[in-house]
């Protein structure tokens, strides 16, 4: 909010969301309803993303359920950025949301 670069307009964000939803529709479901058996196929990670996710799981002692939820959120973040492959920055952002959620509900 304090940066010198202008932020994304509401219209631009709407376009990103609609495009992300279209990508999800092509898969046959929204990311939140992604079948667990298809996570590996639909959530491809680059090498840095694999390392980031592994580190988060170890350091935060995350469950298998948390792992899957982080992948789904990271897939959504990647979809919003029109990225086919999930990158480390997508995993890191999803982990941050997970941490914020845990801290808020303590």
PDB file of N, CA and C in Angstrom:
ATOM      1  N   UNK A   1       0.812  -1.191   0.000  1.00  0.00           N
ATOM      2  CA  UNK A   1       0.000   0.000   0.000  1.00  0.00           C
ATOM      3  C   UNK A   1       0.855   1.255   0.000  1.00  0.00           C
ATOM      4  N   UNK A   2       2.055   1.161   0.523  1.00  0.00           N
ATOM      5  CA  UNK A   2       2.913   2.333   0.603  1.00  0.00           C
ATOM      6  C   UNK A   2       3.934   2.388  -0.516  1.00  0.00           C
ATOM      7  N   UNK A   3       3.929   1.392  -1.369  1.00  0.00           N
ATOM      8  CA  UNK A   3       4.885   1.362  -2.465  1.00  0.00           C
ATOM      9  C   UNK A   3       4.615   2.449  -3.495  1.00  0.00           C
ATOM     10  N   UNK A   4       5.606   2.707  -4.288  1.00  0.00           N
ATOM     11  CA  UNK A   4       5.492   3.739  -5.322  1.00  0.00           C
ATOM     12  C   UNK A   4       4.723   3.240  -6.549  1.00  0.00           C
ATOM     13  N   UNK A   5       4.724   1.931  -6.754  1.00  0.00           N
ATOM     14  CA  UNK A   5       3.998   1.358  -7.885  1.00  0.00           C
ATOM     15  C   UNK A   5       2.502   1.351  -7.578  1.00  0.00           C
ATOM     16  N   UNK A   6       1.687   1.681  -8.575  1.00  0.00           N
ATOM     17  CA  UNK A   6       0.236   1.637  -8.345  1.00  0.00           C
ATOM     18  C   UNK A   6      -0.212   0.188  -8.163  1.00  0.00           C
ATOM     19  N   UNK A   7      -1.160  -0.019  -7.304  1.00  0.00           N
ATOM     20  CA  UNK A   7      -1.681  -1.362  -7.073  1.00  0.00           C
ATOM     21  C   UNK A   7      -2.604  -1.785  -8.198  1.00  0.00           C
ATOM     22  N   UNK A   8      -2.999  -3.022  -8.164  1.00  0.00           N
ATOM     23  CA  UNK A   8      -3.913  -3.542  -9.179  1.00  0.00           C
ATOM     24  C   UNK A   8      -5.296  -2.928  -8.970  1.00  0.00           C
ATOM     25  N   UNK A   9      -5.924  -2.577 -10.052  1.00  0.00           N
ATOM     26  CA  UNK A   9      -7.269  -2.020  -9.973  1.00  0.00           C
ATOM     27  C   UNK A   9      -8.266  -3.140  -9.714  1.00  0.00           C
ATOM     28  N   UNK A  10      -9.450  -2.774  -9.284  1.00  0.00           N
ATOM     29  CA  UNK A  10     -10.514  -3.763  -9.078  1.00  0.00           C
ATOM     30  C   UNK A  10     -10.851  -4.477 -10.376  1.00  0.00           C
ATOM     31  N   UNK A  11     -10.842  -3.740 -11.461  1.00  0.00           N
ATOM     32  CA  UNK A  11     -11.152  -4.355 -12.763  1.00  0.00           C
ATOM     33  C   UNK A  11     -10.102  -5.395 -13.138  1.00  0.00           C
ATOM     34  N   UNK A  12      -8.829  -5.083 -12.894  1.00  0.00           N
ATOM     35  CA  UNK A  12      -7.760  -6.037 -13.190  1.00  0.00           C
ATOM     36  C   UNK A  12      -7.883  -7.274 -12.290  1.00  0.00           C
ATOM     37  N   UNK A  13      -8.164  -7.064 -11.030  1.00  0.00           N
ATOM     38  CA  UNK A  13      -8.318  -8.206 -10.119  1.00  0.00           C
ATOM     39  C   UNK A  13      -9.502  -9.068 -10.540  1.00  0.00           C
ATOM     40  N   UNK A  14     -10.580  -8.432 -10.967  1.00  0.00           N
ATOM     41  CA  UNK A  14     -11.744  -9.183 -11.433  1.00  0.00           C
ATOM     42  C   UNK A  14     -11.361 -10.052 -12.629  1.00  0.00           C
ATOM     43  N   UNK A  15     -10.594  -9.494 -13.570  1.00  0.00           N
ATOM     44  CA  UNK A  15     -10.147 -10.265 -14.738  1.00  0.00           C
ATOM     45  C   UNK A  15      -9.304 -11.463 -14.306  1.00  0.00           C
ATOM     46  N   UNK A  16      -8.406 -11.254 -13.365  1.00  0.00           N
ATOM     47  CA  UNK A  16      -7.560 -12.354 -12.878  1.00  0.00           C
ATOM     48  C   UNK A  16      -8.391 -13.459 -12.242  1.00  0.00           C
ATOM     49  N   UNK A  17      -9.362 -13.052 -11.430  1.00  0.00           N
ATOM     50  CA  UNK A  17     -10.216 -14.037 -10.749  1.00  0.00           C
ATOM     51  C   UNK A  17     -11.041 -14.811 -11.771  1.00  0.00           C
ATOM     52  N   UNK A  18     -11.630 -14.118 -12.732  1.00  0.00           N
ATOM     53  CA  UNK A  18     -12.420 -14.809 -13.753  1.00  0.00           C
ATOM     54  C   UNK A  18     -11.563 -15.764 -14.571  1.00  0.00           C
ATOM     55  N   UNK A  19     -10.353 -15.354 -14.899  1.00  0.00           N
ATOM     56  CA  UNK A  19      -9.446 -16.234 -15.646  1.00  0.00           C
ATOM     57  C   UNK A  19      -9.062 -17.451 -14.802  1.00  0.00           C
ATOM     58  N   UNK A  20      -8.803 -17.247 -13.519  1.00  0.00           N
ATOM     59  CA  UNK A  20      -8.461 -18.358 -12.623  1.00  0.00           C
ATOM     60  C   UNK A  20      -9.631 -19.326 -12.499  1.00  0.00           C
ATOM     61  N   UNK A  21     -10.833 -18.780 -12.369  1.00  0.00           N
ATOM     62  CA  UNK A  21     -12.017 -19.644 -12.272  1.00  0.00           C
ATOM     63  C   UNK A  21     -12.221 -20.438 -13.567  1.00  0.00           C
ATOM     64  N   UNK A  22     -11.922 -19.817 -14.704  1.00  0.00           N
ATOM     65  CA  UNK A  22     -12.039 -20.526 -15.984  1.00  0.00           C
ATOM     66  C   UNK A  22     -11.048 -21.685 -16.050  1.00  0.00           C
ATOM     67  N   UNK A  23      -9.813 -21.458 -15.558  1.00  0.00           N
ATOM     68  CA  UNK A  23      -8.818 -22.546 -15.535  1.00  0.00           C
ATOM     69  C   UNK A  23      -9.306 -23.685 -14.636  1.00  0.00           C
ATOM     70  N   UNK A  24      -9.910 -23.326 -13.517  1.00  0.00           N
ATOM     71  CA  UNK A  24     -10.419 -24.351 -12.616  1.00  0.00           C
ATOM     72  C   UNK A  24     -11.587 -25.101 -13.248  1.00  0.00           C
ATOM     73  N   UNK A  25     -12.441 -24.390 -13.955  1.00  0.00           N
ATOM     74  CA  UNK A  25     -13.576 -25.037 -14.626  1.00  0.00           C
ATOM     75  C   UNK A  25     -13.093 -26.033 -15.678  1.00  0.00           C
ATOM     76  N   UNK A  26     -11.979 -25.706 -16.353  1.00  0.00           N
ATOM     77  CA  UNK A  26     -11.407 -26.631 -17.331  1.00  0.00           C
ATOM     78  C   UNK A  26     -10.975 -27.931 -16.668  1.00  0.00           C
ATOM     79  N   UNK A  27     -10.569 -27.842 -15.394  1.00  0.00           N
ATOM     80  CA  UNK A  27     -10.180 -29.050 -14.652  1.00  0.00           C
ATOM     81  C   UNK A  27     -11.396 -29.824 -14.166  1.00  0.00           C
ATOM     82  N   UNK A  28     -12.565 -29.184 -14.163  1.00  0.00           N
ATOM     83  CA  UNK A  28     -13.797 -29.860 -13.766  1.00  0.00           C
ATOM     84  C   UNK A  28     -14.264 -29.555 -12.358  1.00  0.00           C
ATOM     85  N   UNK A  29     -13.532 -28.745 -11.619  1.00  0.00           N
ATOM     86  CA  UNK A  29     -13.914 -28.406 -10.249  1.00  0.00           C
ATOM     87  C   UNK A  29     -13.067 -27.247  -9.771  1.00  0.00           C
ATOM     88  N   UNK A  30     -13.569 -26.555  -8.755  1.00  0.00           N
ATOM     89  CA  UNK A  30     -12.762 -25.500  -8.146  1.00  0.00           C
ATOM     90  C   UNK A  30     -11.678 -26.166  -7.302  1.00  0.00           C
ATOM     91  N   UNK A  31     -10.609 -25.441  -7.064  1.00  0.00           N
ATOM     92  CA  UNK A  31      -9.460 -26.023  -6.361  1.00  0.00           C
ATOM     93  C   UNK A  31      -9.818 -26.550  -4.975  1.00  0.00           C
ATOM     94  N   UNK A  32     -10.737 -25.887  -4.293  1.00  0.00           N
ATOM     95  CA  UNK A  32     -11.127 -26.341  -2.954  1.00  0.00           C
ATOM     96  C   UNK A  32     -11.722 -27.744  -2.983  1.00  0.00           C
ATOM     97  N   UNK A  33     -12.331 -28.118  -4.104  1.00  0.00           N
ATOM     98  CA  UNK A  33     -12.952 -29.439  -4.232  1.00  0.00           C
ATOM     99  C   UNK A  33     -12.096 -30.432  -5.011  1.00  0.00           C
ATOM    100  N   UNK A  34     -10.828 -30.121  -5.180  1.00  0.00           N
ATOM    101  CA  UNK A  34      -9.922 -30.992  -5.918  1.00  0.00           C
ATOM    102  C   UNK A  34      -9.793 -32.344  -5.190  1.00  0.00           C
ATOM    103  N   UNK A  35     -10.016 -33.430  -5.905  1.00  0.00           N
ATOM    104  CA  UNK A  35      -9.882 -34.742  -5.266  1.00  0.00           C
ATOM    105  C   UNK A  35      -8.441 -34.985  -4.812  1.00  0.00           C
ATOM    106  N   UNK A  36      -8.257 -35.506  -3.602  1.00  0.00           N
ATOM    107  CA  UNK A  36      -6.901 -35.741  -3.089  1.00  0.00           C
ATOM    108  C   UNK A  36      -6.050 -36.608  -4.014  1.00  0.00           C
ATOM    109  N   UNK A  37      -6.659 -37.539  -4.699  1.00  0.00           N
ATOM    110  CA  UNK A  37      -5.920 -38.426  -5.589  1.00  0.00           C
ATOM    111  C   UNK A  37      -5.369 -37.731  -6.834  1.00  0.00           C
ATOM    112  N   UNK A  38      -5.801 -36.511  -7.096  1.00  0.00           N
ATOM    113  CA  UNK A  38      -5.343 -35.790  -8.287  1.00  0.00           C
ATOM    114  C   UNK A  38      -4.407 -34.640  -7.956  1.00  0.00           C
ATOM    115  N   UNK A  39      -4.071 -34.473  -6.664  1.00  0.00           N
ATOM    116  CA  UNK A  39      -3.222 -33.356  -6.251  1.00  0.00           C
ATOM    117  C   UNK A  39      -1.880 -33.348  -6.972  1.00  0.00           C
ATOM    118  N   UNK A  40      -1.216 -34.473  -7.035  1.00  0.00           N
ATOM    119  CA  UNK A  40       0.110 -34.516  -7.682  1.00  0.00           C
ATOM    120  C   UNK A  40       0.015 -34.161  -9.160  1.00  0.00           C
ATOM    121  N   UNK A  41      -1.022 -34.635  -9.801  1.00  0.00           N
ATOM    122  CA  UNK A  41      -1.206 -34.367 -11.230  1.00  0.00           C
ATOM    123  C   UNK A  41      -1.537 -32.891 -11.497  1.00  0.00           C
ATOM    124  N   UNK A  42      -2.402 -32.321 -10.679  1.00  0.00           N
ATOM    125  CA  UNK A  42      -2.901 -30.971 -10.934  1.00  0.00           C
ATOM    126  C   UNK A  42      -2.123 -29.877 -10.215  1.00  0.00           C
ATOM    127  N   UNK A  43      -1.233 -30.273  -9.335  1.00  0.00           N
ATOM    128  CA  UNK A  43      -0.427 -29.300  -8.591  1.00  0.00           C
ATOM    129  C   UNK A  43       1.058 -29.566  -8.795  1.00  0.00           C
ATOM    130  N   UNK A  44       1.529 -29.500 -10.039  1.00  0.00           N
ATOM    131  CA  UNK A  44       2.949 -29.743 -10.269  1.00  0.00           C
ATOM    132  C   UNK A  44       3.799 -28.646  -9.634  1.00  0.00           C
ATOM    133  N   UNK A  45       4.866 -29.059  -8.967  1.00  0.00           N
ATOM    134  CA  UNK A  45       5.760 -28.124  -8.283  1.00  0.00           C
ATOM    135  C   UNK A  45       7.105 -28.098  -8.988  1.00  0.00           C
ATOM    136  N   UNK A  46       7.703 -26.921  -9.071  1.00  0.00           N
ATOM    137  CA  UNK A  46       9.075 -26.885  -9.551  1.00  0.00           C
ATOM    138  C   UNK A  46       9.980 -27.300  -8.380  1.00  0.00           C
ATOM    139  N   UNK A  47      11.253 -27.476  -8.635  1.00  0.00           N
ATOM    140  CA  UNK A  47      12.173 -27.995  -7.603  1.00  0.00           C
ATOM    141  C   UNK A  47      12.216 -27.092  -6.375  1.00  0.00           C
ATOM    142  N   UNK A  48      12.237 -25.789  -6.578  1.00  0.00           N
ATOM    143  CA  UNK A  48      12.284 -24.859  -5.442  1.00  0.00           C
ATOM    144  C   UNK A  48      10.998 -24.943  -4.622  1.00  0.00           C
ATOM    145  N   UNK A  49       9.861 -25.134  -5.291  1.00  0.00           N
ATOM    146  CA  UNK A  49       8.586 -25.264  -4.576  1.00  0.00           C
ATOM    147  C   UNK A  49       8.565 -26.534  -3.739  1.00  0.00           C
ATOM    148  N   UNK A  50       9.118 -27.615  -4.291  1.00  0.00           N
ATOM    149  CA  UNK A  50       9.213 -28.880  -3.528  1.00  0.00           C
ATOM    150  C   UNK A  50      10.008 -28.661  -2.245  1.00  0.00           C
ATOM    151  N   UNK A  51      11.152 -27.996  -2.363  1.00  0.00           N
ATOM    152  CA  UNK A  51      11.989 -27.744  -1.185  1.00  0.00           C
ATOM    153  C   UNK A  51      11.282 -26.842  -0.180  1.00  0.00           C
ATOM    154  N   UNK A  52      10.601 -25.824  -0.669  1.00  0.00           N
ATOM    155  CA  UNK A  52       9.888 -24.908   0.214  1.00  0.00           C
ATOM    156  C   UNK A  52       8.780 -25.625   0.965  1.00  0.00           C
ATOM    157  N   UNK A  53       8.027 -26.442   0.269  1.00  0.00           N
ATOM    158  CA  UNK A  53       6.943 -27.185   0.911  1.00  0.00           C
ATOM    159  C   UNK A  53       7.491 -28.175   1.930  1.00  0.00           C
ATOM    160  N   UNK A  54       8.539 -28.889   1.564  1.00  0.00           N
ATOM    161  CA  UNK A  54       9.152 -29.858   2.487  1.00  0.00           C
ATOM    162  C   UNK A  54       9.653 -29.163   3.750  1.00  0.00           C
ATOM    163  N   UNK A  55      10.297 -28.026   3.584  1.00  0.00           N
ATOM    164  CA  UNK A  55      10.806 -27.277   4.735  1.00  0.00           C
ATOM    165  C   UNK A  55       9.657 -26.812   5.636  1.00  0.00           C
ATOM    166  N   UNK A  56       8.584 -26.332   5.035  1.00  0.00           N
ATOM    167  CA  UNK A  56       7.433 -25.865   5.819  1.00  0.00           C
ATOM    168  C   UNK A  56       6.806 -27.025   6.591  1.00  0.00           C
ATOM    169  N   UNK A  57       6.692 -28.165   5.960  1.00  0.00           N
ATOM    170  CA  UNK A  57       6.095 -29.331   6.626  1.00  0.00           C
ATOM    171  C   UNK A  57       6.927 -29.747   7.828  1.00  0.00           C
ATOM    172  N   UNK A  58       8.253 -29.774   7.645  1.00  0.00           N
ATOM    173  CA  UNK A  58       9.135 -30.167   8.746  1.00  0.00           C
ATOM    174  C   UNK A  58       9.140 -29.133   9.870  1.00  0.00           C
ATOM    175  N   UNK A  59       9.348 -27.870   9.526  1.00  0.00           N
ATOM    176  CA  UNK A  59       9.486 -26.827  10.544  1.00  0.00           C
ATOM    177  C   UNK A  59       8.191 -26.540  11.295  1.00  0.00           C
ATOM    178  N   UNK A  60       7.065 -26.634  10.599  1.00  0.00           N
ATOM    179  CA  UNK A  60       5.788 -26.313  11.227  1.00  0.00           C
ATOM    180  C   UNK A  60       5.031 -27.556  11.682  1.00  0.00           C
ATOM    181  N   UNK A  61       5.628 -28.721  11.473  1.00  0.00           N
ATOM    182  CA  UNK A  61       5.017 -29.995  11.849  1.00  0.00           C
ATOM    183  C   UNK A  61       3.590 -30.094  11.304  1.00  0.00           C
ATOM    184  N   UNK A  62       3.471 -29.901  10.007  1.00  0.00           N
ATOM    185  CA  UNK A  62       2.155 -29.896   9.375  1.00  0.00           C
ATOM    186  C   UNK A  62       1.660 -31.312   9.111  1.00  0.00           C
ATOM    187  N   UNK A  63       0.365 -31.463   9.183  1.00  0.00           N
ATOM    188  CA  UNK A  63      -0.265 -32.752   8.927  1.00  0.00           C
ATOM    189  C   UNK A  63      -0.429 -32.973   7.422  1.00  0.00           C
ATOM    190  N   UNK A  64      -0.827 -34.178   7.064  1.00  0.00           N
ATOM    191  CA  UNK A  64      -1.095 -34.485   5.654  1.00  0.00           C
ATOM    192  C   UNK A  64      -2.253 -33.625   5.152  1.00  0.00           C
ATOM    193  N   UNK A  65      -3.227 -33.386   5.998  1.00  0.00           N
ATOM    194  CA  UNK A  65      -4.355 -32.532   5.625  1.00  0.00           C
ATOM    195  C   UNK A  65      -3.877 -31.108   5.342  1.00  0.00           C
ATOM    196  N   UNK A  66      -3.013 -30.589   6.197  1.00  0.00           N
ATOM    197  CA  UNK A  66      -2.465 -29.243   5.994  1.00  0.00           C
ATOM    198  C   UNK A  66      -1.655 -29.188   4.699  1.00  0.00           C
ATOM    199  N   UNK A  67      -0.899 -30.233   4.419  1.00  0.00           N
ATOM    200  CA  UNK A  67      -0.126 -30.334   3.171  1.00  0.00           C
ATOM    201  C   UNK A  67      -1.046 -30.176   1.973  1.00  0.00           C
ATOM    202  N   UNK A  68      -2.144 -30.921   1.969  1.00  0.00           N
ATOM    203  CA  UNK A  68      -3.076 -30.875   0.853  1.00  0.00           C
ATOM    204  C   UNK A  68      -3.728 -29.496   0.725  1.00  0.00           C
ATOM    205  N   UNK A  69      -4.086 -28.906   1.844  1.00  0.00           N
ATOM    206  CA  UNK A  69      -4.721 -27.582   1.805  1.00  0.00           C
ATOM    207  C   UNK A  69      -3.754 -26.525   1.300  1.00  0.00           C
ATOM    208  N   UNK A  70      -2.507 -26.619   1.709  1.00  0.00           N
ATOM    209  CA  UNK A  70      -1.498 -25.669   1.214  1.00  0.00           C
ATOM    210  C   UNK A  70      -1.343 -25.816  -0.292  1.00  0.00           C
ATOM    211  N   UNK A  71      -1.326 -27.046  -0.783  1.00  0.00           N
ATOM    212  CA  UNK A  71      -1.221 -27.258  -2.234  1.00  0.00           C
ATOM    213  C   UNK A  71      -2.413 -26.657  -2.974  1.00  0.00           C
ATOM    214  N   UNK A  72      -3.606 -26.816  -2.442  1.00  0.00           N
ATOM    215  CA  UNK A  72      -4.791 -26.267  -3.093  1.00  0.00           C
ATOM    216  C   UNK A  72      -4.758 -24.737  -3.113  1.00  0.00           C
ATOM    217  N   UNK A  73      -4.351 -24.139  -2.008  1.00  0.00           N
ATOM    218  CA  UNK A  73      -4.258 -22.679  -1.959  1.00  0.00           C
ATOM    219  C   UNK A  73      -3.153 -22.197  -2.900  1.00  0.00           C
ATOM    220  N   UNK A  74      -2.017 -22.896  -2.905  1.00  0.00           N
ATOM    221  CA  UNK A  74      -0.923 -22.529  -3.810  1.00  0.00           C
ATOM    222  C   UNK A  74      -1.359 -22.667  -5.268  1.00  0.00           C
ATOM    223  N   UNK A  75      -2.159 -23.694  -5.572  1.00  0.00           N
ATOM    224  CA  UNK A  75      -2.686 -23.859  -6.942  1.00  0.00           C
ATOM    225  C   UNK A  75      -3.547 -22.649  -7.318  1.00  0.00           C
ATOM    226  N   UNK A  76      -4.351 -22.172  -6.375  1.00  0.00           N
ATOM    227  CA  UNK A  76      -5.198 -21.004  -6.627  1.00  0.00           C
ATOM    228  C   UNK A  76      -4.350 -19.752  -6.842  1.00  0.00           C
ATOM    229  N   UNK A  77      -3.315 -19.579  -6.032  1.00  0.00           N
ATOM    230  CA  UNK A  77      -2.409 -18.430  -6.180  1.00  0.00           C
ATOM    231  C   UNK A  77      -1.733 -18.488  -7.544  1.00  0.00           C
ATOM    232  N   UNK A  78      -1.293 -19.674  -7.937  1.00  0.00           N
ATOM    233  CA  UNK A  78      -0.665 -19.843  -9.251  1.00  0.00           C
ATOM    234  C   UNK A  78      -1.669 -19.553 -10.369  1.00  0.00           C
ATOM    235  N   UNK A  79      -2.914 -20.006 -10.198  1.00  0.00           N
ATOM    236  CA  UNK A  79      -3.951 -19.736 -11.197  1.00  0.00           C
ATOM    237  C   UNK A  79      -4.177 -18.235 -11.350  1.00  0.00           C
ATOM    238  N   UNK A  80      -4.187 -17.512 -10.244  1.00  0.00           N
ATOM    239  CA  UNK A  80      -4.377 -16.058 -10.300  1.00  0.00           C
ATOM    240  C   UNK A  80      -3.236 -15.381 -11.049  1.00  0.00           C
ATOM    241  N   UNK A  81      -2.058 -15.981 -10.996  1.00  0.00           N
ATOM    242  CA  UNK A  81      -0.905 -15.447 -11.717  1.00  0.00           C
ATOM    243  C   UNK A  81      -0.706 -16.075 -13.082  1.00  0.00           C
ATOM    244  N   UNK A  82      -1.675 -16.875 -13.530  1.00  0.00           N
ATOM    245  CA  UNK A  82      -1.635 -17.550 -14.834  1.00  0.00           C
ATOM    246  C   UNK A  82      -0.410 -18.447 -14.982  1.00  0.00           C
ATOM    247  N   UNK A  83      -0.026 -19.107 -13.893  1.00  0.00           N
ATOM    248  CA  UNK A  83       1.127 -19.996 -13.899  1.00  0.00           C
ATOM    249  C   UNK A  83       0.663 -21.451 -13.910  1.00  0.00           C
ATOM    250  N   UNK A  84       1.150 -22.216 -14.879  1.00  0.00           N
ATOM    251  CA  UNK A  84       0.792 -23.634 -14.954  1.00  0.00           C
ATOM    252  C   UNK A  84       1.417 -24.428 -13.810  1.00  0.00           C
ATOM    253  N   UNK A  85       2.646 -24.082 -13.477  1.00  0.00           N
ATOM    254  CA  UNK A  85       3.376 -24.802 -12.440  1.00  0.00           C
ATOM    255  C   UNK A  85       3.415 -23.974 -11.166  1.00  0.00           C
ATOM    256  N   UNK A  86       3.268 -24.641 -10.050  1.00  0.00           N
ATOM    257  CA  UNK A  86       3.338 -23.963  -8.762  1.00  0.00           C
ATOM    258  C   UNK A  86       4.803 -23.698  -8.443  1.00  0.00           C
ATOM    259  N   UNK A  87       5.106 -22.467  -8.098  1.00  0.00           N
ATOM    260  CA  UNK A  87       6.467 -22.050  -7.795  1.00  0.00           C
ATOM    261  C   UNK A  87       6.638 -21.875  -6.288  1.00  0.00           C
ATOM    262  N   UNK A  88       7.885 -21.727  -5.878  1.00  0.00           N
ATOM    263  CA  UNK A  88       8.189 -21.567  -4.446  1.00  0.00           C
ATOM    264  C   UNK A  88       7.448 -20.376  -3.857  1.00  0.00           C
ATOM    265  N   UNK A  89       7.335 -19.287  -4.603  1.00  0.00           N
ATOM    266  CA  UNK A  89       6.648 -18.100  -4.076  1.00  0.00           C
ATOM    267  C   UNK A  89       5.167 -18.387  -3.826  1.00  0.00           C
ATOM    268  N   UNK A  90       4.558 -19.269  -4.615  1.00  0.00           N
ATOM    269  CA  UNK A  90       3.155 -19.631  -4.399  1.00  0.00           C
ATOM    270  C   UNK A  90       3.015 -20.461  -3.119  1.00  0.00           C
ATOM    271  N   UNK A  91       3.942 -21.402  -2.927  1.00  0.00           N
ATOM    272  CA  UNK A  91       3.925 -22.211  -1.705  1.00  0.00           C
ATOM    273  C   UNK A  91       4.148 -21.325  -0.483  1.00  0.00           C
ATOM    274  N   UNK A  92       5.131 -20.436  -0.552  1.00  0.00           N
ATOM    275  CA  UNK A  92       5.433 -19.557   0.584  1.00  0.00           C
ATOM    276  C   UNK A  92       4.223 -18.701   0.956  1.00  0.00           C
ATOM    277  N   UNK A  93       3.529 -18.186  -0.038  1.00  0.00           N
ATOM    278  CA  UNK A  93       2.344 -17.370   0.241  1.00  0.00           C
ATOM    279  C   UNK A  93       1.245 -18.215   0.876  1.00  0.00           C
ATOM    280  N   UNK A  94       1.035 -19.418   0.365  1.00  0.00           N
ATOM    281  CA  UNK A  94       0.013 -20.304   0.931  1.00  0.00           C
ATOM    282  C   UNK A  94       0.346 -20.682   2.372  1.00  0.00           C
ATOM    283  N   UNK A  95       1.622 -20.927   2.653  1.00  0.00           N
ATOM    284  CA  UNK A  95       2.046 -21.252   4.020  1.00  0.00           C
ATOM    285  C   UNK A  95       1.801 -20.053   4.940  1.00  0.00           C
ATOM    286  N   UNK A  96       2.064 -18.844   4.438  1.00  0.00           N
ATOM    287  CA  UNK A  96       1.811 -17.647   5.248  1.00  0.00           C
ATOM    288  C   UNK A  96       0.339 -17.538   5.604  1.00  0.00           C
ATOM    289  N   UNK A  97      -0.543 -17.797   4.645  1.00  0.00           N
ATOM    290  CA  UNK A  97      -1.975 -17.754   4.938  1.00  0.00           C
ATOM    291  C   UNK A  97      -2.345 -18.797   5.975  1.00  0.00           C
ATOM    292  N   UNK A  98      -1.735 -19.958   5.865  1.00  0.00           N
ATOM    293  CA  UNK A  98      -1.985 -21.032   6.839  1.00  0.00           C
ATOM    294  C   UNK A  98      -1.540 -20.596   8.235  1.00  0.00           C
ATOM    295  N   UNK A  99      -0.362 -19.997   8.317  1.00  0.00           N
ATOM    296  CA  UNK A  99       0.167 -19.536   9.604  1.00  0.00           C
ATOM    297  C   UNK A  99      -0.702 -18.431  10.183  1.00  0.00           C
ATOM    298  N   UNK A 100      -1.148 -17.505   9.342  1.00  0.00           N
ATOM    299  CA  UNK A 100      -2.020 -16.433   9.818  1.00  0.00           C
ATOM    300  C   UNK A 100      -3.316 -17.002  10.356  1.00  0.00           C
ATOM    301  N   UNK A 101      -3.863 -17.981   9.655  1.00  0.00           N
ATOM    302  CA  UNK A 101      -5.116 -18.614  10.078  1.00  0.00           C
ATOM    303  C   UNK A 101      -4.945 -19.304  11.425  1.00  0.00           C
ATOM    304  N   UNK A 102      -3.838 -20.022  11.592  1.00  0.00           N
ATOM    305  CA  UNK A 102      -3.576 -20.715  12.860  1.00  0.00           C
ATOM    306  C   UNK A 102      -3.408 -19.726  14.006  1.00  0.00           C
ATOM    307  N   UNK A 103      -2.676 -18.651  13.757  1.00  0.00           N
ATOM    308  CA  UNK A 103      -2.433 -17.644  14.795  1.00  0.00           C
ATOM    309  C   UNK A 103      -3.716 -16.940  15.180  1.00  0.00           C
ATOM    310  N   UNK A 104      -4.585 -16.664  14.214  1.00  0.00           N
ATOM    311  CA  UNK A 104      -5.809 -15.932  14.465  1.00  0.00           C
ATOM    312  C   UNK A 104      -6.770 -16.737  15.316  1.00  0.00           C
ATOM    313  N   UNK A 105      -6.855 -18.043  15.074  1.00  0.00           N
ATOM    314  CA  UNK A 105      -7.845 -18.864  15.756  1.00  0.00           C
ATOM    315  C   UNK A 105      -7.367 -19.529  17.035  1.00  0.00           C
ATOM    316  N   UNK A 106      -6.167 -19.147  17.515  1.00  0.00           N
ATOM    317  CA  UNK A 106      -5.670 -19.727  18.768  1.00  0.00           C
ATOM    318  C   UNK A 106      -6.488 -19.258  19.943  1.00  0.00           C
TER     319      UNK A 106
END
